[in-house]
């Protein structure tokens, strides 16, 4: 399953618990080897995780991730965990003065 990001400030142990439970609850996910969750890093706008699991039947390789994604979305909503929106800081080195005056006028 590909990387999944949650908003900064999310409860990391809770995120990991939910991801693992969503995999364990799906009947097509094998119990051995066990599914596991990795906290793989700090993204530009997110805390990034990876959920790994094995399927009992390779024919379900598209269906099961879809089912698990739906369950993750539901559980995250119930637990107040948010998916991030990209955040960018904009630093301007120079700006035309006429633009600045027009911008100032519109914010009054």
PDB file of N, CA and C in Angstrom:
ATOM      1  N   UNK A   1       0.858  -1.172   0.000  1.00  0.00           N
ATOM      2  CA  UNK A   1       0.000   0.000   0.000  1.00  0.00           C
ATOM      3  C   UNK A   1       0.904   1.235   0.000  1.00  0.00           C
ATOM      4  N   UNK A   2       0.576   2.231  -0.767  1.00  0.00           N
ATOM      5  CA  UNK A   2       1.440   3.409  -0.843  1.00  0.00           C
ATOM      6  C   UNK A   2       1.452   4.209   0.458  1.00  0.00           C
ATOM      7  N   UNK A   3       2.315   5.177   0.488  1.00  0.00           N
ATOM      8  CA  UNK A   3       2.464   6.074   1.625  1.00  0.00           C
ATOM      9  C   UNK A   3       1.159   6.828   1.878  1.00  0.00           C
ATOM     10  N   UNK A   4       0.882   7.082   3.151  1.00  0.00           N
ATOM     11  CA  UNK A   4      -0.319   7.798   3.551  1.00  0.00           C
ATOM     12  C   UNK A   4       0.106   8.901   4.498  1.00  0.00           C
ATOM     13  N   UNK A   5      -0.328  10.132   4.267  1.00  0.00           N
ATOM     14  CA  UNK A   5       0.057  11.243   5.115  1.00  0.00           C
ATOM     15  C   UNK A   5      -1.101  11.763   5.939  1.00  0.00           C
ATOM     16  N   UNK A   6      -0.778  12.178   7.171  1.00  0.00           N
ATOM     17  CA  UNK A   6      -1.762  12.825   8.043  1.00  0.00           C
ATOM     18  C   UNK A   6      -1.209  14.189   8.447  1.00  0.00           C
ATOM     19  N   UNK A   7      -2.090  15.047   8.925  1.00  0.00           N
ATOM     20  CA  UNK A   7      -1.698  16.403   9.288  1.00  0.00           C
ATOM     21  C   UNK A   7      -0.723  16.397  10.458  1.00  0.00           C
ATOM     22  N   UNK A   8       0.209  17.357  10.416  1.00  0.00           N
ATOM     23  CA  UNK A   8       1.095  17.553  11.560  1.00  0.00           C
ATOM     24  C   UNK A   8       0.245  17.813  12.798  1.00  0.00           C
ATOM     25  N   UNK A   9       0.677  17.302  13.935  1.00  0.00           N
ATOM     26  CA  UNK A   9      -0.076  17.436  15.180  1.00  0.00           C
ATOM     27  C   UNK A   9      -0.981  16.252  15.452  1.00  0.00           C
ATOM     28  N   UNK A  10      -1.095  15.328  14.498  1.00  0.00           N
ATOM     29  CA  UNK A  10      -1.921  14.135  14.698  1.00  0.00           C
ATOM     30  C   UNK A  10      -1.279  13.235  15.754  1.00  0.00           C
ATOM     31  N   UNK A  11      -2.099  12.458  16.410  1.00  0.00           N
ATOM     32  CA  UNK A  11      -1.651  11.503  17.428  1.00  0.00           C
ATOM     33  C   UNK A  11      -1.027  10.295  16.715  1.00  0.00           C
ATOM     34  N   UNK A  12       0.304  10.227  16.679  1.00  0.00           N
ATOM     35  CA  UNK A  12       1.016   9.193  15.919  1.00  0.00           C
ATOM     36  C   UNK A  12       0.642   7.779  16.372  1.00  0.00           C
ATOM     37  N   UNK A  13       0.669   7.467  17.678  1.00  0.00           N
ATOM     38  CA  UNK A  13       0.287   6.101  18.083  1.00  0.00           C
ATOM     39  C   UNK A  13      -1.144   5.743  17.673  1.00  0.00           C
ATOM     40  N   UNK A  14      -2.067   6.707  17.734  1.00  0.00           N
ATOM     41  CA  UNK A  14      -3.451   6.448  17.332  1.00  0.00           C
ATOM     42  C   UNK A  14      -3.535   6.192  15.829  1.00  0.00           C
ATOM     43  N   UNK A  15      -2.827   6.975  15.037  1.00  0.00           N
ATOM     44  CA  UNK A  15      -2.804   6.765  13.582  1.00  0.00           C
ATOM     45  C   UNK A  15      -2.311   5.349  13.280  1.00  0.00           C
ATOM     46  N   UNK A  16      -1.218   4.963  13.912  1.00  0.00           N
ATOM     47  CA  UNK A  16      -0.643   3.637  13.662  1.00  0.00           C
ATOM     48  C   UNK A  16      -1.612   2.528  14.089  1.00  0.00           C
ATOM     49  N   UNK A  17      -2.284   2.727  15.213  1.00  0.00           N
ATOM     50  CA  UNK A  17      -3.259   1.746  15.710  1.00  0.00           C
ATOM     51  C   UNK A  17      -4.421   1.588  14.723  1.00  0.00           C
ATOM     52  N   UNK A  18      -4.932   2.695  14.232  1.00  0.00           N
ATOM     53  CA  UNK A  18      -6.061   2.657  13.285  1.00  0.00           C
ATOM     54  C   UNK A  18      -5.654   1.964  11.986  1.00  0.00           C
ATOM     55  N   UNK A  19      -4.500   2.345  11.453  1.00  0.00           N
ATOM     56  CA  UNK A  19      -4.054   1.728  10.199  1.00  0.00           C
ATOM     57  C   UNK A  19      -3.919   0.214  10.357  1.00  0.00           C
ATOM     58  N   UNK A  20      -3.303  -0.205  11.443  1.00  0.00           N
ATOM     59  CA  UNK A  20      -3.115  -1.626  11.682  1.00  0.00           C
ATOM     60  C   UNK A  20      -4.448  -2.344  11.856  1.00  0.00           C
ATOM     61  N   UNK A  21      -5.359  -1.733  12.589  1.00  0.00           N
ATOM     62  CA  UNK A  21      -6.666  -2.359  12.814  1.00  0.00           C
ATOM     63  C   UNK A  21      -7.465  -2.475  11.517  1.00  0.00           C
ATOM     64  N   UNK A  22      -7.380  -1.469  10.664  1.00  0.00           N
ATOM     65  CA  UNK A  22      -8.094  -1.522   9.376  1.00  0.00           C
ATOM     66  C   UNK A  22      -7.588  -2.688   8.532  1.00  0.00           C
ATOM     67  N   UNK A  23      -6.298  -2.949   8.554  1.00  0.00           N
ATOM     68  CA  UNK A  23      -5.751  -4.092   7.807  1.00  0.00           C
ATOM     69  C   UNK A  23      -6.183  -5.402   8.453  1.00  0.00           C
ATOM     70  N   UNK A  24      -6.067  -5.486   9.766  1.00  0.00           N
ATOM     71  CA  UNK A  24      -6.422  -6.737  10.469  1.00  0.00           C
ATOM     72  C   UNK A  24      -7.894  -7.099  10.301  1.00  0.00           C
ATOM     73  N   UNK A  25      -8.753  -6.091  10.210  1.00  0.00           N
ATOM     74  CA  UNK A  25     -10.194  -6.346  10.123  1.00  0.00           C
ATOM     75  C   UNK A  25     -10.643  -6.811   8.743  1.00  0.00           C
ATOM     76  N   UNK A  26      -9.801  -6.646   7.739  1.00  0.00           N
ATOM     77  CA  UNK A  26     -10.190  -7.068   6.397  1.00  0.00           C
ATOM     78  C   UNK A  26      -9.946  -8.574   6.248  1.00  0.00           C
ATOM     79  N   UNK A  27     -10.964  -9.333   5.894  1.00  0.00           N
ATOM     80  CA  UNK A  27     -10.825 -10.791   5.832  1.00  0.00           C
ATOM     81  C   UNK A  27      -9.847 -11.300   4.765  1.00  0.00           C
ATOM     82  N   UNK A  28      -9.507 -10.481   3.795  1.00  0.00           N
ATOM     83  CA  UNK A  28      -8.572 -10.910   2.756  1.00  0.00           C
ATOM     84  C   UNK A  28      -7.113 -10.663   3.118  1.00  0.00           C
ATOM     85  N   UNK A  29      -6.875  -9.965   4.223  1.00  0.00           N
ATOM     86  CA  UNK A  29      -5.511  -9.706   4.689  1.00  0.00           C
ATOM     87  C   UNK A  29      -5.066 -10.885   5.542  1.00  0.00           C
ATOM     88  N   UNK A  30      -3.899 -11.418   5.216  1.00  0.00           N
ATOM     89  CA  UNK A  30      -3.383 -12.579   5.939  1.00  0.00           C
ATOM     90  C   UNK A  30      -2.947 -12.173   7.351  1.00  0.00           C
ATOM     91  N   UNK A  31      -3.127 -13.099   8.304  1.00  0.00           N
ATOM     92  CA  UNK A  31      -2.680 -12.842   9.669  1.00  0.00           C
ATOM     93  C   UNK A  31      -1.221 -13.249   9.859  1.00  0.00           C
ATOM     94  N   UNK A  32      -0.710 -14.054   8.929  1.00  0.00           N
ATOM     95  CA  UNK A  32       0.703 -14.421   8.986  1.00  0.00           C
ATOM     96  C   UNK A  32       1.242 -14.456   7.554  1.00  0.00           C
ATOM     97  N   UNK A  33       2.217 -13.646   7.228  1.00  0.00           N
ATOM     98  CA  UNK A  33       2.869 -12.678   8.105  1.00  0.00           C
ATOM     99  C   UNK A  33       1.916 -11.550   8.479  1.00  0.00           C
ATOM    100  N   UNK A  34       2.116 -11.024   9.678  1.00  0.00           N
ATOM    101  CA  UNK A  34       1.235  -9.993  10.215  1.00  0.00           C
ATOM    102  C   UNK A  34       1.381  -8.682   9.453  1.00  0.00           C
ATOM    103  N   UNK A  35       0.273  -7.941   9.334  1.00  0.00           N
ATOM    104  CA  UNK A  35       0.377  -6.597   8.768  1.00  0.00           C
ATOM    105  C   UNK A  35       1.178  -5.707   9.723  1.00  0.00           C
ATOM    106  N   UNK A  36       1.823  -4.696   9.203  1.00  0.00           N
ATOM    107  CA  UNK A  36       2.522  -3.757  10.069  1.00  0.00           C
ATOM    108  C   UNK A  36       2.519  -2.356   9.463  1.00  0.00           C
ATOM    109  N   UNK A  37       2.752  -1.390  10.354  1.00  0.00           N
ATOM    110  CA  UNK A  37       2.729   0.025   9.984  1.00  0.00           C
ATOM    111  C   UNK A  37       4.101   0.608  10.258  1.00  0.00           C
ATOM    112  N   UNK A  38       4.567   1.425   9.315  1.00  0.00           N
ATOM    113  CA  UNK A  38       5.833   2.132   9.477  1.00  0.00           C
ATOM    114  C   UNK A  38       5.576   3.634   9.457  1.00  0.00           C
ATOM    115  N   UNK A  39       6.173   4.339  10.397  1.00  0.00           N
ATOM    116  CA  UNK A  39       6.176   5.804  10.373  1.00  0.00           C
ATOM    117  C   UNK A  39       7.422   6.158   9.584  1.00  0.00           C
ATOM    118  N   UNK A  40       7.231   6.527   8.308  1.00  0.00           N
ATOM    119  CA  UNK A  40       8.380   6.623   7.413  1.00  0.00           C
ATOM    120  C   UNK A  40       8.995   8.016   7.312  1.00  0.00           C
ATOM    121  N   UNK A  41       8.346   9.036   7.874  1.00  0.00           N
ATOM    122  CA  UNK A  41       9.014  10.321   7.836  1.00  0.00           C
ATOM    123  C   UNK A  41       8.107  11.525   7.975  1.00  0.00           C
ATOM    124  N   UNK A  42       8.791  12.669   7.888  1.00  0.00           N
ATOM    125  CA  UNK A  42       8.144  13.964   7.996  1.00  0.00           C
ATOM    126  C   UNK A  42       8.132  14.595   6.610  1.00  0.00           C
ATOM    127  N   UNK A  43       6.940  14.666   6.007  1.00  0.00           N
ATOM    128  CA  UNK A  43       6.817  15.241   4.672  1.00  0.00           C
ATOM    129  C   UNK A  43       6.708  16.749   4.718  1.00  0.00           C
ATOM    130  N   UNK A  44       6.590  17.357   3.555  1.00  0.00           N
ATOM    131  CA  UNK A  44       6.451  18.816   3.475  1.00  0.00           C
ATOM    132  C   UNK A  44       5.236  19.308   4.254  1.00  0.00           C
ATOM    133  N   UNK A  45       4.150  18.566   4.175  1.00  0.00           N
ATOM    134  CA  UNK A  45       2.910  18.987   4.833  1.00  0.00           C
ATOM    135  C   UNK A  45       2.292  17.873   5.664  1.00  0.00           C
ATOM    136  N   UNK A  46       3.013  16.778   5.873  1.00  0.00           N
ATOM    137  CA  UNK A  46       2.379  15.623   6.499  1.00  0.00           C
ATOM    138  C   UNK A  46       3.356  14.749   7.275  1.00  0.00           C
ATOM    139  N   UNK A  47       2.781  13.977   8.194  1.00  0.00           N
ATOM    140  CA  UNK A  47       3.476  12.864   8.827  1.00  0.00           C
ATOM    141  C   UNK A  47       3.162  11.663   7.950  1.00  0.00           C
ATOM    142  N   UNK A  48       4.173  10.960   7.478  1.00  0.00           N
ATOM    143  CA  UNK A  48       3.974   9.919   6.473  1.00  0.00           C
ATOM    144  C   UNK A  48       4.106   8.517   7.050  1.00  0.00           C
ATOM    145  N   UNK A  49       3.156   7.666   6.679  1.00  0.00           N
ATOM    146  CA  UNK A  49       3.092   6.287   7.149  1.00  0.00           C
ATOM    147  C   UNK A  49       2.967   5.340   5.960  1.00  0.00           C
ATOM    148  N   UNK A  50       3.324   4.105   6.209  1.00  0.00           N
ATOM    149  CA  UNK A  50       3.128   3.067   5.210  1.00  0.00           C
ATOM    150  C   UNK A  50       2.524   1.855   5.906  1.00  0.00           C
ATOM    151  N   UNK A  51       1.438   1.341   5.335  1.00  0.00           N
ATOM    152  CA  UNK A  51       0.775   0.147   5.837  1.00  0.00           C
ATOM    153  C   UNK A  51       1.144  -1.007   4.923  1.00  0.00           C
ATOM    154  N   UNK A  52       1.701  -2.048   5.511  1.00  0.00           N
ATOM    155  CA  UNK A  52       2.115  -3.217   4.721  1.00  0.00           C
ATOM    156  C   UNK A  52       1.339  -4.442   5.173  1.00  0.00           C
ATOM    157  N   UNK A  53       0.886  -5.221   4.186  1.00  0.00           N
ATOM    158  CA  UNK A  53       0.147  -6.449   4.490  1.00  0.00           C
ATOM    159  C   UNK A  53       0.219  -7.385   3.295  1.00  0.00           C
ATOM    160  N   UNK A  54      -0.089  -8.647   3.558  1.00  0.00           N
ATOM    161  CA  UNK A  54      -0.125  -9.675   2.513  1.00  0.00           C
ATOM    162  C   UNK A  54      -1.560 -10.119   2.319  1.00  0.00           C
ATOM    163  N   UNK A  55      -1.898 -10.425   1.071  1.00  0.00           N
ATOM    164  CA  UNK A  55      -3.254 -10.858   0.727  1.00  0.00           C
ATOM    165  C   UNK A  55      -3.318 -12.370   0.574  1.00  0.00           C
ATOM    166  N   UNK A  56      -4.455 -12.915   0.922  1.00  0.00           N
ATOM    167  CA  UNK A  56      -4.663 -14.355   0.773  1.00  0.00           C
ATOM    168  C   UNK A  56      -4.857 -14.747  -0.689  1.00  0.00           C
ATOM    169  N   UNK A  57      -5.260 -13.791  -1.527  1.00  0.00           N
ATOM    170  CA  UNK A  57      -5.489 -14.054  -2.950  1.00  0.00           C
ATOM    171  C   UNK A  57      -5.066 -12.825  -3.751  1.00  0.00           C
ATOM    172  N   UNK A  58      -4.122 -12.986  -4.637  1.00  0.00           N
ATOM    173  CA  UNK A  58      -3.595 -11.875  -5.429  1.00  0.00           C
ATOM    174  C   UNK A  58      -4.670 -11.215  -6.299  1.00  0.00           C
ATOM    175  N   UNK A  59      -5.743 -11.920  -6.595  1.00  0.00           N
ATOM    176  CA  UNK A  59      -6.830 -11.354  -7.392  1.00  0.00           C
ATOM    177  C   UNK A  59      -7.517 -10.184  -6.678  1.00  0.00           C
ATOM    178  N   UNK A  60      -7.294 -10.050  -5.366  1.00  0.00           N
ATOM    179  CA  UNK A  60      -7.915  -8.978  -4.591  1.00  0.00           C
ATOM    180  C   UNK A  60      -6.995  -7.764  -4.430  1.00  0.00           C
ATOM    181  N   UNK A  61      -5.906  -7.703  -5.204  1.00  0.00           N
ATOM    182  CA  UNK A  61      -4.897  -6.660  -5.021  1.00  0.00           C
ATOM    183  C   UNK A  61      -5.417  -5.243  -5.268  1.00  0.00           C
ATOM    184  N   UNK A  62      -6.493  -5.091  -5.983  1.00  0.00           N
ATOM    185  CA  UNK A  62      -7.090  -3.763  -6.204  1.00  0.00           C
ATOM    186  C   UNK A  62      -8.268  -3.514  -5.254  1.00  0.00           C
ATOM    187  N   UNK A  63      -9.052  -4.546  -5.012  1.00  0.00           N
ATOM    188  CA  UNK A  63     -10.259  -4.402  -4.197  1.00  0.00           C
ATOM    189  C   UNK A  63      -9.921  -4.144  -2.732  1.00  0.00           C
ATOM    190  N   UNK A  64      -8.997  -4.928  -2.174  1.00  0.00           N
ATOM    191  CA  UNK A  64      -8.690  -4.821  -0.745  1.00  0.00           C
ATOM    192  C   UNK A  64      -8.131  -3.448  -0.379  1.00  0.00           C
ATOM    193  N   UNK A  65      -7.148  -2.901  -1.110  1.00  0.00           N
ATOM    194  CA  UNK A  65      -6.703  -1.541  -0.757  1.00  0.00           C
ATOM    195  C   UNK A  65      -7.836  -0.516  -0.795  1.00  0.00           C
ATOM    196  N   UNK A  66      -8.750  -0.652  -1.743  1.00  0.00           N
ATOM    197  CA  UNK A  66      -9.898   0.254  -1.804  1.00  0.00           C
ATOM    198  C   UNK A  66     -10.760   0.110  -0.551  1.00  0.00           C
ATOM    199  N   UNK A  67     -11.008  -1.113  -0.148  1.00  0.00           N
ATOM    200  CA  UNK A  67     -11.794  -1.349   1.067  1.00  0.00           C
ATOM    201  C   UNK A  67     -11.084  -0.776   2.295  1.00  0.00           C
ATOM    202  N   UNK A  68      -9.792  -0.996   2.370  1.00  0.00           N
ATOM    203  CA  UNK A  68      -9.024  -0.507   3.518  1.00  0.00           C
ATOM    204  C   UNK A  68      -8.963   1.019   3.511  1.00  0.00           C
ATOM    205  N   UNK A  69      -8.808   1.625   2.347  1.00  0.00           N
ATOM    206  CA  UNK A  69      -8.814   3.094   2.267  1.00  0.00           C
ATOM    207  C   UNK A  69     -10.129   3.666   2.788  1.00  0.00           C
ATOM    208  N   UNK A  70     -11.234   3.047   2.413  1.00  0.00           N
ATOM    209  CA  UNK A  70     -12.537   3.518   2.875  1.00  0.00           C
ATOM    210  C   UNK A  70     -12.652   3.413   4.392  1.00  0.00           C
ATOM    211  N   UNK A  71     -12.157   2.314   4.930  1.00  0.00           N
ATOM    212  CA  UNK A  71     -12.209   2.114   6.376  1.00  0.00           C
ATOM    213  C   UNK A  71     -11.290   3.102   7.103  1.00  0.00           C
ATOM    214  N   UNK A  72     -10.124   3.354   6.557  1.00  0.00           N
ATOM    215  CA  UNK A  72      -9.205   4.335   7.143  1.00  0.00           C
ATOM    216  C   UNK A  72      -9.861   5.715   7.161  1.00  0.00           C
ATOM    217  N   UNK A  73     -10.473   6.104   6.055  1.00  0.00           N
ATOM    218  CA  UNK A  73     -11.149   7.403   5.981  1.00  0.00           C
ATOM    219  C   UNK A  73     -12.226   7.501   7.051  1.00  0.00           C
ATOM    220  N   UNK A  74     -13.014   6.447   7.196  1.00  0.00           N
ATOM    221  CA  UNK A  74     -14.093   6.446   8.200  1.00  0.00           C
ATOM    222  C   UNK A  74     -13.521   6.570   9.616  1.00  0.00           C
ATOM    223  N   UNK A  75     -12.508   5.774   9.917  1.00  0.00           N
ATOM    224  CA  UNK A  75     -11.914   5.779  11.254  1.00  0.00           C
ATOM    225  C   UNK A  75     -11.215   7.101  11.557  1.00  0.00           C
ATOM    226  N   UNK A  76     -10.540   7.663  10.569  1.00  0.00           N
ATOM    227  CA  UNK A  76      -9.884   8.950  10.781  1.00  0.00           C
ATOM    228  C   UNK A  76     -10.918  10.022  11.096  1.00  0.00           C
ATOM    229  N   UNK A  77     -12.035  10.020  10.363  1.00  0.00           N
ATOM    230  CA  UNK A  77     -13.088  11.011  10.628  1.00  0.00           C
ATOM    231  C   UNK A  77     -13.648  10.857  12.037  1.00  0.00           C
ATOM    232  N   UNK A  78     -13.881   9.605  12.448  1.00  0.00           N
ATOM    233  CA  UNK A  78     -14.410   9.348  13.794  1.00  0.00           C
ATOM    234  C   UNK A  78     -13.447   9.791  14.892  1.00  0.00           C
ATOM    235  N   UNK A  79     -12.157   9.751  14.603  1.00  0.00           N
ATOM    236  CA  UNK A  79     -11.143  10.064  15.600  1.00  0.00           C
ATOM    237  C   UNK A  79     -10.498  11.441  15.426  1.00  0.00           C
ATOM    238  N   UNK A  80     -11.033  12.241  14.517  1.00  0.00           N
ATOM    239  CA  UNK A  80     -10.548  13.607  14.344  1.00  0.00           C
ATOM    240  C   UNK A  80      -9.159  13.712  13.732  1.00  0.00           C
ATOM    241  N   UNK A  81      -8.744  12.703  12.998  1.00  0.00           N
ATOM    242  CA  UNK A  81      -7.449  12.740  12.327  1.00  0.00           C
ATOM    243  C   UNK A  81      -7.669  13.297  10.921  1.00  0.00           C
ATOM    244  N   UNK A  82      -6.874  14.292  10.570  1.00  0.00           N
ATOM    245  CA  UNK A  82      -7.072  14.986   9.299  1.00  0.00           C
ATOM    246  C   UNK A  82      -5.998  14.646   8.282  1.00  0.00           C
ATOM    247  N   UNK A  83      -6.419  14.596   7.034  1.00  0.00           N
ATOM    248  CA  UNK A  83      -5.476  14.500   5.936  1.00  0.00           C
ATOM    249  C   UNK A  83      -4.970  15.918   5.674  1.00  0.00           C
ATOM    250  N   UNK A  84      -3.702  16.076   5.351  1.00  0.00           N
ATOM    251  CA  UNK A  84      -3.139  17.423   5.223  1.00  0.00           C
ATOM    252  C   UNK A  84      -3.451  18.077   3.886  1.00  0.00           C
ATOM    253  N   UNK A  85      -3.395  19.384   3.911  1.00  0.00           N
ATOM    254  CA  UNK A  85      -3.432  20.177   2.697  1.00  0.00           C
ATOM    255  C   UNK A  85      -2.037  20.765   2.524  1.00  0.00           C
ATOM    256  N   UNK A  86      -1.527  20.823   1.323  1.00  0.00           N
ATOM    257  CA  UNK A  86      -0.192  21.393   1.136  1.00  0.00           C
ATOM    258  C   UNK A  86      -0.121  22.812   1.694  1.00  0.00           C
ATOM    259  N   UNK A  87       0.958  23.092   2.388  1.00  0.00           N
ATOM    260  CA  UNK A  87       1.169  24.413   2.960  1.00  0.00           C
ATOM    261  C   UNK A  87       2.465  24.976   2.390  1.00  0.00           C
ATOM    262  N   UNK A  88       2.407  26.207   1.944  1.00  0.00           N
ATOM    263  CA  UNK A  88       3.571  26.847   1.356  1.00  0.00           C
ATOM    264  C   UNK A  88       3.718  28.249   1.930  1.00  0.00           C
ATOM    265  N   UNK A  89       4.933  28.648   2.203  1.00  0.00           N
ATOM    266  CA  UNK A  89       5.244  30.024   2.569  1.00  0.00           C
ATOM    267  C   UNK A  89       5.753  30.720   1.323  1.00  0.00           C
ATOM    268  N   UNK A  90       5.302  31.930   1.113  1.00  0.00           N
ATOM    269  CA  UNK A  90       5.700  32.692  -0.055  1.00  0.00           C
ATOM    270  C   UNK A  90       6.551  33.873   0.399  1.00  0.00           C
ATOM    271  N   UNK A  91       7.759  33.960  -0.099  1.00  0.00           N
ATOM    272  CA  UNK A  91       8.660  35.066   0.219  1.00  0.00           C
ATOM    273  C   UNK A  91       8.913  35.846  -1.066  1.00  0.00           C
ATOM    274  N   UNK A  92       8.544  37.125  -1.034  1.00  0.00           N
ATOM    275  CA  UNK A  92       8.729  37.974  -2.202  1.00  0.00           C
ATOM    276  C   UNK A  92       9.972  38.833  -2.015  1.00  0.00           C
ATOM    277  N   UNK A  93      10.830  38.824  -2.996  1.00  0.00           N
ATOM    278  CA  UNK A  93      12.037  39.651  -2.931  1.00  0.00           C
ATOM    279  C   UNK A  93      11.747  41.078  -3.383  1.00  0.00           C
ATOM    280  N   UNK A  94      10.941  41.195  -4.398  1.00  0.00           N
ATOM    281  CA  UNK A  94      10.592  42.539  -4.862  1.00  0.00           C
ATOM    282  C   UNK A  94       9.188  42.495  -5.447  1.00  0.00           C
ATOM    283  N   UNK A  95       8.479  43.585  -5.233  1.00  0.00           N
ATOM    284  CA  UNK A  95       7.110  43.687  -5.715  1.00  0.00           C
ATOM    285  C   UNK A  95       6.924  45.086  -6.297  1.00  0.00           C
ATOM    286  N   UNK A  96       6.239  45.166  -7.412  1.00  0.00           N
ATOM    287  CA  UNK A  96       5.934  46.445  -8.026  1.00  0.00           C
ATOM    288  C   UNK A  96       5.096  47.279  -7.060  1.00  0.00           C
ATOM    289  N   UNK A  97       5.494  48.519  -6.827  1.00  0.00           N
ATOM    290  CA  UNK A  97       4.812  49.397  -5.868  1.00  0.00           C
ATOM    291  C   UNK A  97       3.337  49.626  -6.211  1.00  0.00           C
ATOM    292  N   UNK A  98       2.999  49.697  -7.505  1.00  0.00           N
ATOM    293  CA  UNK A  98       1.597  49.917  -7.874  1.00  0.00           C
ATOM    294  C   UNK A  98       0.738  48.734  -7.440  1.00  0.00           C
ATOM    295  N   UNK A  99       1.311  47.534  -7.488  1.00  0.00           N
ATOM    296  CA  UNK A  99       0.580  46.343  -7.029  1.00  0.00           C
ATOM    297  C   UNK A  99       0.342  46.410  -5.523  1.00  0.00           C
ATOM    298  N   UNK A 100       1.368  46.824  -4.786  1.00  0.00           N
ATOM    299  CA  UNK A 100       1.248  46.927  -3.329  1.00  0.00           C
ATOM    300  C   UNK A 100       0.169  47.905  -2.959  1.00  0.00           C
ATOM    301  N   UNK A 101       0.121  49.091  -3.622  1.00  0.00           N
ATOM    302  CA  UNK A 101      -0.910  50.069  -3.294  1.00  0.00           C
ATOM    303  C   UNK A 101      -2.303  49.558  -3.633  1.00  0.00           C
ATOM    304  N   UNK A 102      -2.440  48.871  -4.754  1.00  0.00           N
ATOM    305  CA  UNK A 102      -3.755  48.319  -5.113  1.00  0.00           C
ATOM    306  C   UNK A 102      -4.173  47.243  -4.116  1.00  0.00           C
ATOM    307  N   UNK A 103      -3.230  46.425  -3.686  1.00  0.00           N
ATOM    308  CA  UNK A 103      -3.516  45.372  -2.718  1.00  0.00           C
ATOM    309  C   UNK A 103      -3.937  45.991  -1.385  1.00  0.00           C
ATOM    310  N   UNK A 104      -3.266  47.038  -0.964  1.00  0.00           N
ATOM    311  CA  UNK A 104      -3.597  47.721   0.287  1.00  0.00           C
ATOM    312  C   UNK A 104      -5.007  48.292   0.249  1.00  0.00           C
ATOM    313  N   UNK A 105      -5.395  48.838  -0.911  1.00  0.00           N
ATOM    314  CA  UNK A 105      -6.721  49.434  -1.061  1.00  0.00           C
ATOM    315  C   UNK A 105      -7.822  48.381  -0.968  1.00  0.00           C
ATOM    316  N   UNK A 106      -7.584  47.189  -1.474  1.00  0.00           N
ATOM    317  CA  UNK A 106      -8.626  46.150  -1.466  1.00  0.00           C
ATOM    318  C   UNK A 106      -8.794  45.528  -0.081  1.00  0.00           C
ATOM    319  N   UNK A 107      -7.805  45.655   0.786  1.00  0.00           N
ATOM    320  CA  UNK A 107      -7.911  45.043   2.113  1.00  0.00           C
ATOM    321  C   UNK A 107      -8.473  46.006   3.149  1.00  0.00           C
ATOM    322  N   UNK A 108      -8.775  47.248   2.748  1.00  0.00           N
ATOM    323  CA  UNK A 108      -9.327  48.249   3.691  1.00  0.00           C
ATOM    324  C   UNK A 108     -10.787  48.031   3.908  1.00  0.00           C
TER     325      UNK A 108
END
